[in-house]
Amino acid sequence: MKPIDVDPEDTGLHELSASTASNTMLPQLEATDVKKALNEEERKKRKAARKAKRETREKKKKEQQRLEDKKQRKEERKLKKEARRKRREAKKKMEEEKPTNASSSDISSSSKDGDDDESYQVSNGARRKRKERASRLQQ
């Protein structure tokens, strides 16, 4: 088929087809007050839905952060408890390795020969003599 040029005014086409054919613009349509109100209401509803969705997301994120913090604190307490337990065990082990409250004569290798007893007696005797002299001088 062969294209034919048609004058839009002659055909009585619809306004849109006529404006397209003549390459002109249609006049702006004014929305009625009812439609404006409906559009505004829909816009508010969409905005409220976005806000609610955002708040839900933020709330979920805060809850997740709170749980992670709680888990971290629990792990820290567990590590501290473990460290304390290890220190107690090490301290207990060190105390077990130390000799019990032994006197110097028990520890000394020369206690069997009676040397320690003699040295004690000598030092004890010297102390007695000093006391006796001091008491005589005071009289």
C-alpha atoms as a PDB file:
ATOM      1  CA  MET A   1       0.000   0.000   0.000  1.00  0.00           C
ATOM      2  CA  LYS A   2       1.008   3.464  -0.719  1.00  0.00           C
ATOM      3  CA  PRO A   3       0.932   6.095   2.073  1.00  0.00           C
ATOM      4  CA  ILE A   4      -1.459   8.925   1.425  1.00  0.00           C
ATOM      5  CA  ASP A   5      -1.233  12.396   2.927  1.00  0.00           C
ATOM      6  CA  VAL A   6      -4.422  13.190   4.769  1.00  0.00           C
ATOM      7  CA  ASP A   7      -5.342  16.572   6.178  1.00  0.00           C
ATOM      8  CA  PRO A   8      -6.450  16.041   9.801  1.00  0.00           C
ATOM      9  CA  GLU A   9      -9.116  18.719   9.561  1.00  0.00           C
ATOM     10  CA  ASP A  10     -10.789  16.867   6.780  1.00  0.00           C
ATOM     11  CA  THR A  11     -10.971  13.560   8.558  1.00  0.00           C
ATOM     12  CA  GLY A  12     -12.567  14.786  11.786  1.00  0.00           C
ATOM     13  CA  LEU A  13     -10.169  12.765  13.902  1.00  0.00           C
ATOM     14  CA  HIS A  14     -10.135  12.685  17.649  1.00  0.00           C
ATOM     15  CA  GLU A  15      -8.446  15.645  19.302  1.00  0.00           C
ATOM     16  CA  LEU A  16      -5.357  13.618  20.332  1.00  0.00           C
ATOM     17  CA  SER A  17      -4.889  12.165  16.886  1.00  0.00           C
ATOM     18  CA  ALA A  18      -5.377  15.573  15.387  1.00  0.00           C
ATOM     19  CA  SER A  19      -2.781  17.183  17.632  1.00  0.00           C
ATOM     20  CA  THR A  20      -0.317  14.385  16.890  1.00  0.00           C
ATOM     21  CA  ALA A  21      -0.946  14.641  13.205  1.00  0.00           C
ATOM     22  CA  SER A  22      -0.604  18.404  13.197  1.00  0.00           C
ATOM     23  CA  ASN A  23       2.339  18.293  15.644  1.00  0.00           C
ATOM     24  CA  THR A  24       0.695  20.622  18.123  1.00  0.00           C
ATOM     25  CA  MET A  25       0.245  20.295  21.867  1.00  0.00           C
ATOM     26  CA  LEU A  26      -2.964  19.642  23.693  1.00  0.00           C
ATOM     27  CA  PRO A  27      -4.058  22.199  26.250  1.00  0.00           C
ATOM     28  CA  GLN A  28      -3.209  21.343  29.867  1.00  0.00           C
ATOM     29  CA  LEU A  29      -6.025  19.563  31.635  1.00  0.00           C
ATOM     30  CA  GLU A  30      -6.916  20.995  35.019  1.00  0.00           C
ATOM     31  CA  ALA A  31      -7.512  18.394  37.699  1.00  0.00           C
ATOM     32  CA  THR A  32     -10.669  18.892  39.615  1.00  0.00           C
ATOM     33  CA  ASP A  33     -10.576  19.639  43.323  1.00  0.00           C
ATOM     34  CA  VAL A  34     -11.796  16.128  44.103  1.00  0.00           C
ATOM     35  CA  LYS A  35      -9.035  14.556  42.033  1.00  0.00           C
ATOM     36  CA  LYS A  36      -6.432  16.867  43.585  1.00  0.00           C
ATOM     37  CA  ALA A  37      -7.594  15.849  47.033  1.00  0.00           C
ATOM     38  CA  LEU A  38      -7.448  12.156  46.093  1.00  0.00           C
ATOM     39  CA  ASN A  39      -3.954  12.537  44.644  1.00  0.00           C
ATOM     40  CA  GLU A  40      -2.795  14.402  47.739  1.00  0.00           C
ATOM     41  CA  GLU A  41      -4.318  11.728  49.968  1.00  0.00           C
ATOM     42  CA  GLU A  42      -2.596   8.943  48.008  1.00  0.00           C
ATOM     43  CA  ARG A  43       0.698  10.813  48.196  1.00  0.00           C
ATOM     44  CA  LYS A  44       0.322  11.149  51.987  1.00  0.00           C
ATOM     45  CA  LYS A  45      -0.463   7.434  52.301  1.00  0.00           C
ATOM     46  CA  ARG A  46       2.613   6.474  50.261  1.00  0.00           C
ATOM     47  CA  LYS A  47       4.755   8.826  52.344  1.00  0.00           C
ATOM     48  CA  ALA A  48       3.401   7.352  55.597  1.00  0.00           C
ATOM     49  CA  ALA A  49       4.003   3.821  54.282  1.00  0.00           C
ATOM     50  CA  ARG A  50       7.625   4.700  53.404  1.00  0.00           C
ATOM     51  CA  LYS A  51       8.115   6.252  56.843  1.00  0.00           C
ATOM     52  CA  ALA A  52       6.649   3.197  58.606  1.00  0.00           C
ATOM     53  CA  LYS A  53       8.838   0.892  56.524  1.00  0.00           C
ATOM     54  CA  ARG A  54      11.938   2.973  57.338  1.00  0.00           C
ATOM     55  CA  GLU A  55      11.086   2.988  61.066  1.00  0.00           C
ATOM     56  CA  THR A  56      10.581  -0.783  61.010  1.00  0.00           C
ATOM     57  CA  ARG A  57      13.943  -1.222  59.303  1.00  0.00           C
ATOM     58  CA  GLU A  58      15.667   1.068  61.852  1.00  0.00           C
ATOM     59  CA  LYS A  59      13.969  -0.701  64.758  1.00  0.00           C
ATOM     60  CA  LYS A  60      15.099  -4.058  63.423  1.00  0.00           C
ATOM     61  CA  LYS A  61      18.634  -2.730  62.981  1.00  0.00           C
ATOM     62  CA  LYS A  62      18.705  -1.371  66.567  1.00  0.00           C
ATOM     63  CA  GLU A  63      17.441  -4.684  67.921  1.00  0.00           C
ATOM     64  CA  GLN A  64      20.106  -6.547  65.962  1.00  0.00           C
ATOM     65  CA  GLN A  65      22.788  -4.191  67.312  1.00  0.00           C
ATOM     66  CA  ARG A  66      21.488  -4.655  70.859  1.00  0.00           C
ATOM     67  CA  LEU A  67      21.657  -8.435  70.484  1.00  0.00           C
ATOM     68  CA  GLU A  68      25.198  -8.252  69.074  1.00  0.00           C
ATOM     69  CA  ASP A  69      26.289  -6.008  71.960  1.00  0.00           C
ATOM     70  CA  LYS A  70      24.703  -8.405  74.447  1.00  0.00           C
ATOM     71  CA  LYS A  71      26.475 -11.343  72.824  1.00  0.00           C
ATOM     72  CA  GLN A  72      29.797  -9.474  72.902  1.00  0.00           C
ATOM     73  CA  ARG A  73      29.395  -8.598  76.612  1.00  0.00           C
ATOM     74  CA  LYS A  74      28.585 -12.232  77.355  1.00  0.00           C
ATOM     75  CA  GLU A  75      31.720 -13.364  75.513  1.00  0.00           C
ATOM     76  CA  GLU A  76      33.826 -10.789  77.404  1.00  0.00           C
ATOM     77  CA  ARG A  77      32.440 -12.025  80.737  1.00  0.00           C
ATOM     78  CA  LYS A  78      33.212 -15.594  79.717  1.00  0.00           C
ATOM     79  CA  LEU A  79      36.806 -14.670  78.823  1.00  0.00           C
ATOM     80  CA  LYS A  80      37.294 -12.773  82.102  1.00  0.00           C
ATOM     81  CA  LYS A  81      35.900 -15.706  84.061  1.00  0.00           C
ATOM     82  CA  GLU A  82      38.232 -18.083  82.238  1.00  0.00           C
ATOM     83  CA  ALA A  83      41.239 -15.801  82.902  1.00  0.00           C
ATOM     84  CA  ARG A  84      40.364 -15.614  86.623  1.00  0.00           C
ATOM     85  CA  ARG A  85      40.037 -19.391  86.764  1.00  0.00           C
ATOM     86  CA  LYS A  86      43.449 -19.842  85.136  1.00  0.00           C
ATOM     87  CA  ARG A  87      45.049 -17.337  87.537  1.00  0.00           C
ATOM     88  CA  ARG A  88      43.518 -19.145  90.520  1.00  0.00           C
ATOM     89  CA  GLU A  89      44.785 -22.484  89.238  1.00  0.00           C
ATOM     90  CA  ALA A  90      48.270 -21.065  88.660  1.00  0.00           C
ATOM     91  CA  LYS A  91      48.314 -19.506  92.131  1.00  0.00           C
ATOM     92  CA  LYS A  92      47.142 -22.750  93.686  1.00  0.00           C
ATOM     93  CA  LYS A  93      49.805 -24.671  91.797  1.00  0.00           C
ATOM     94  CA  MET A  94      52.512 -22.235  92.938  1.00  0.00           C
ATOM     95  CA  GLU A  95      51.372 -22.571  96.554  1.00  0.00           C
ATOM     96  CA  GLU A  96      51.477 -26.352  96.287  1.00  0.00           C
ATOM     97  CA  GLU A  97      55.021 -26.211  94.934  1.00  0.00           C
ATOM     98  CA  LYS A  98      56.222 -24.008  97.815  1.00  0.00           C
ATOM     99  CA  PRO A  99      57.315 -25.887 100.910  1.00  0.00           C
ATOM    100  CA  THR A 100      54.893 -25.765 103.765  1.00  0.00           C
ATOM    101  CA  ASN A 101      55.660 -23.594 106.779  1.00  0.00           C
ATOM    102  CA  ALA A 102      58.929 -25.246 107.726  1.00  0.00           C
ATOM    103  CA  SER A 103      61.279 -23.876 110.330  1.00  0.00           C
ATOM    104  CA  SER A 104      64.808 -22.947 109.383  1.00  0.00           C
ATOM    105  CA  SER A 105      66.165 -25.904 111.351  1.00  0.00           C
ATOM    106  CA  ASP A 106      63.972 -28.302 109.335  1.00  0.00           C
ATOM    107  CA  ILE A 107      65.165 -26.863 106.058  1.00  0.00           C
ATOM    108  CA  SER A 108      68.866 -26.715 107.000  1.00  0.00           C
ATOM    109  CA  SER A 109      70.968 -29.625 105.904  1.00  0.00           C
ATOM    110  CA  SER A 110      73.077 -29.406 109.027  1.00  0.00           C
ATOM    111  CA  SER A 111      70.207 -29.775 111.483  1.00  0.00           C
ATOM    112  CA  LYS A 112      71.159 -33.331 112.320  1.00  0.00           C
ATOM    113  CA  ASP A 113      74.572 -32.386 113.621  1.00  0.00           C
ATOM    114  CA  GLY A 114      73.109 -30.104 116.322  1.00  0.00           C
ATOM    115  CA  ASP A 115      74.967 -27.042 115.055  1.00  0.00           C
ATOM    116  CA  ASP A 116      71.831 -24.940 114.845  1.00  0.00           C
ATOM    117  CA  ASP A 117      70.893 -25.634 118.419  1.00  0.00           C
ATOM    118  CA  GLU A 118      74.301 -24.543 119.669  1.00  0.00           C
ATOM    119  CA  SER A 119      74.287 -21.326 117.696  1.00  0.00           C
ATOM    120  CA  TYR A 120      70.852 -20.559 119.085  1.00  0.00           C
ATOM    121  CA  GLN A 121      71.995 -21.135 122.589  1.00  0.00           C
ATOM    122  CA  VAL A 122      75.038 -18.893 122.108  1.00  0.00           C
ATOM    123  CA  SER A 123      72.989 -16.026 120.682  1.00  0.00           C
ATOM    124  CA  ASN A 124      70.310 -16.515 123.317  1.00  0.00           C
ATOM    125  CA  GLY A 125      72.959 -16.497 126.075  1.00  0.00           C
ATOM    126  CA  ALA A 126      74.467 -13.279 124.746  1.00  0.00           C
ATOM    127  CA  ARG A 127      71.059 -11.656 124.840  1.00  0.00           C
ATOM    128  CA  ARG A 128      70.548 -12.740 128.460  1.00  0.00           C
ATOM    129  CA  LYS A 129      73.904 -11.289 129.486  1.00  0.00           C
ATOM    130  CA  ARG A 130      73.038  -7.931 127.910  1.00  0.00           C
ATOM    131  CA  LYS A 131      69.752  -7.812 129.769  1.00  0.00           C
ATOM    132  CA  GLU A 132      71.469  -8.632 133.034  1.00  0.00           C
ATOM    133  CA  ARG A 133      74.038  -5.837 132.540  1.00  0.00           C
ATOM    134  CA  ALA A 134      71.332  -3.329 131.663  1.00  0.00           C
ATOM    135  CA  SER A 135      69.348  -4.207 134.776  1.00  0.00           C
ATOM    136  CA  ARG A 136      72.476  -3.884 136.981  1.00  0.00           C
ATOM    137  CA  LEU A 137      73.276  -0.433 135.567  1.00  0.00           C
ATOM    138  CA  GLN A 138      69.782   0.782 136.290  1.00  0.00           C
ATOM    139  CA  GLN A 139      70.106  -0.171 139.956  1.00  0.00           C
END
